[in-house]
Amino acid sequence: MSHDLPQPVANADSLPYWNAAREKQLLIRRCKACHAFHFMPRHLCPKCWSDDLEWVRSEGNGSVYSFSIIRRAPLAAFAQKAPYVTALIELDEGPRMVANIVGANSLSVKIGDKVRVVFEARGDDGAMVPQFELCGG
C-alpha cells in the first residue's frame, strides 16, 4: 500500500470513476451518440462533442503503448518507489490512459507487453488508484 503518496482528487466529472476504483473496478466513458470509448473522465465526448455519455466497466486489459522509467522522483513522497515505470496503456476497448506499471518485474517492461489493471491503496480512507501489472508476471 502507498499511504504516503498523494490521494486522488475527484471533481464532478471524475467522481464516479474514483468511487468505482474504491470497489476495484475500472470505468471508462462511452458516448451514446457516436459509441466511442474515451478516457479521461470529462463532460463531453472528445470525438463528437456530445454530452450524452455513460460509464461502462473496462475489463482492465491492455498493452503498453509507451513508457518511461523514472529513476529520480519528482516529489519526496515518490522517492522510496524509484525506480518506477510510468506508462501509456492502450486499453483493449481503445482508450489510452497513463498509469504506473507495478510488480516485481515492472522494470523489464517493453512496448507491446500485455498488462492488466490492479489497484493500489492510497491513504487511510479507502482511496484506490488503478495501476497495471505485466501479464504472466
Protein backbone atom coordinates (compact mmCIF):
# COMPACT_ATOMS: atom_id res chain seq x y z
CA MET A 1 0.00 0.00 0.00
CA SER A 2 1.08 3.54 -0.65
CA HIS A 3 -0.33 5.51 2.25
CA ASP A 4 2.21 8.32 1.94
CA LEU A 5 1.53 9.04 -1.73
CA PRO A 6 -0.98 11.70 -2.83
CA GLN A 7 -4.61 10.69 -2.90
CA PRO A 8 -6.80 11.21 -5.97
CA VAL A 9 -8.77 14.44 -6.11
CA ALA A 10 -12.22 13.91 -7.60
CA ASN A 11 -14.29 16.51 -9.41
CA ALA A 12 -17.85 16.33 -10.76
CA ASP A 13 -16.69 14.58 -13.96
CA SER A 14 -14.43 12.03 -12.26
CA LEU A 15 -16.29 11.18 -9.04
CA PRO A 16 -17.95 8.00 -10.43
CA TYR A 17 -14.54 6.86 -11.73
CA TRP A 18 -12.88 7.25 -8.32
CA ASN A 19 -15.84 5.71 -6.50
CA ALA A 20 -15.61 2.65 -8.78
CA ALA A 21 -11.85 2.45 -8.19
CA ARG A 22 -12.59 2.14 -4.46
CA GLU A 23 -14.51 -1.02 -5.42
CA LYS A 24 -11.60 -2.20 -7.61
CA GLN A 25 -13.45 -1.54 -10.85
CA LEU A 26 -12.06 0.40 -13.80
CA LEU A 27 -14.63 2.61 -15.50
CA ILE A 28 -14.31 4.42 -18.81
CA ARG A 29 -16.75 6.66 -20.68
CA ARG A 30 -18.72 5.71 -23.78
CA CYS A 31 -20.55 8.20 -25.93
CA LYS A 32 -24.14 7.18 -26.60
CA ALA A 33 -24.21 9.35 -29.74
CA CYS A 34 -21.12 8.07 -31.61
CA HIS A 35 -20.35 4.97 -29.45
CA ALA A 36 -16.69 5.98 -28.97
CA PHE A 37 -14.94 4.97 -25.76
CA HIS A 38 -12.71 7.54 -24.11
CA PHE A 39 -10.57 8.21 -21.11
CA MET A 40 -10.04 10.52 -19.07
CA PRO A 41 -13.32 11.40 -17.42
CA ARG A 42 -14.79 14.53 -18.98
CA HIS A 43 -18.14 16.13 -19.63
CA LEU A 44 -18.11 15.98 -23.46
CA CYS A 45 -17.16 13.28 -25.95
CA PRO A 46 -13.78 14.23 -27.48
CA LYS A 47 -14.86 12.76 -30.83
CA CYS A 48 -18.32 14.28 -31.49
CA TRP A 49 -18.72 16.71 -28.53
CA SER A 50 -21.95 15.08 -27.36
CA ASP A 51 -22.77 15.26 -23.65
CA ASP A 52 -24.80 12.02 -23.85
CA LEU A 53 -22.22 9.81 -22.09
CA GLU A 54 -22.35 6.70 -19.96
CA TRP A 55 -19.93 4.94 -17.66
CA VAL A 56 -19.00 1.39 -18.64
CA ARG A 57 -16.79 -1.11 -16.91
CA SER A 58 -13.50 -1.83 -18.62
CA GLU A 59 -12.11 -5.34 -18.44
CA GLY A 60 -8.85 -3.67 -17.41
CA ASN A 61 -6.72 -5.42 -20.02
CA GLY A 62 -4.46 -3.67 -22.47
CA SER A 63 -0.95 -3.24 -23.78
CA VAL A 64 1.93 -0.87 -23.21
CA TYR A 65 1.88 1.85 -25.87
CA SER A 66 4.81 3.80 -24.42
CA PHE A 67 6.65 4.05 -21.11
CA SER A 68 9.36 5.80 -19.14
CA ILE A 69 11.40 4.51 -16.22
CA ILE A 70 11.51 7.19 -13.54
CA ARG A 71 14.82 6.98 -11.72
CA ARG A 72 14.65 10.33 -9.94
CA ALA A 73 11.43 11.02 -8.09
CA PRO A 74 9.76 14.38 -8.81
CA LEU A 75 8.49 14.64 -5.23
CA ALA A 76 9.89 13.35 -1.95
CA ALA A 77 6.78 11.17 -1.48
CA PHE A 78 7.78 9.11 -4.55
CA ALA A 79 11.50 8.73 -3.67
CA GLN A 80 11.08 5.34 -1.99
CA LYS A 81 9.35 3.97 -5.11
CA ALA A 82 12.12 4.94 -7.56
CA PRO A 83 12.92 3.49 -9.95
CA TYR A 84 9.36 3.01 -11.19
CA VAL A 85 7.57 2.85 -14.54
CA THR A 86 5.03 5.34 -15.83
CA ALA A 87 3.31 4.05 -18.95
CA LEU A 88 0.73 4.94 -21.55
CA ILE A 89 -1.61 1.95 -21.58
CA GLU A 90 -3.85 1.23 -24.56
CA LEU A 91 -6.91 -0.50 -23.15
CA ASP A 92 -8.45 -3.32 -25.19
CA GLU A 93 -11.55 -1.13 -25.51
CA GLY A 94 -9.44 1.51 -27.30
CA PRO A 95 -8.75 4.46 -25.00
CA ARG A 96 -5.28 5.14 -23.65
CA MET A 97 -4.53 6.04 -20.06
CA VAL A 98 -1.43 6.90 -18.06
CA ALA A 99 -0.64 4.72 -15.07
CA ASN A 100 2.26 3.02 -13.36
CA ILE A 101 3.42 -0.49 -14.13
CA VAL A 102 3.84 -2.19 -10.76
CA GLY A 103 5.14 -5.54 -9.62
CA ALA A 104 8.46 -7.27 -9.16
CA ASN A 105 9.26 -7.39 -12.89
CA SER A 106 7.93 -3.95 -13.82
CA LEU A 107 11.35 -2.60 -14.87
CA SER A 108 11.55 -5.24 -17.61
CA VAL A 109 8.57 -3.69 -19.44
CA LYS A 110 8.61 -3.43 -23.24
CA ILE A 111 6.34 -1.67 -25.71
CA GLY A 112 3.55 -4.05 -26.68
CA ASP A 113 3.62 -6.03 -23.41
CA LYS A 114 0.18 -7.17 -22.25
CA VAL A 115 -0.99 -5.71 -18.93
CA ARG A 116 -3.94 -5.96 -16.56
CA VAL A 117 -5.30 -3.49 -14.05
CA VAL A 118 -4.57 -3.75 -10.35
CA PHE A 119 -5.49 -1.26 -7.65
CA GLU A 120 -3.14 0.49 -5.25
CA ALA A 121 -4.44 1.78 -1.92
CA ARG A 122 -3.80 5.45 -1.20
CA GLY A 123 -4.31 6.92 2.24
CA ASP A 124 -6.45 5.62 5.05
CA ASP A 125 -9.92 6.36 3.66
CA GLY A 126 -10.18 3.55 1.10
CA ALA A 127 -9.00 5.50 -1.95
CA MET A 128 -7.61 3.29 -4.72
CA VAL A 129 -5.61 4.18 -7.83
CA PRO A 130 -5.70 2.00 -10.95
CA GLN A 131 -2.22 0.75 -11.86
CA PHE A 132 -1.14 -2.06 -14.17
CA GLU A 133 0.96 -5.19 -13.92
CA LEU A 134 2.55 -7.23 -16.65
CA CYS A 135 0.54 -10.31 -17.58
CA GLY A 136 2.31 -13.51 -16.75
CA GLY A 137 4.37 -11.70 -14.15
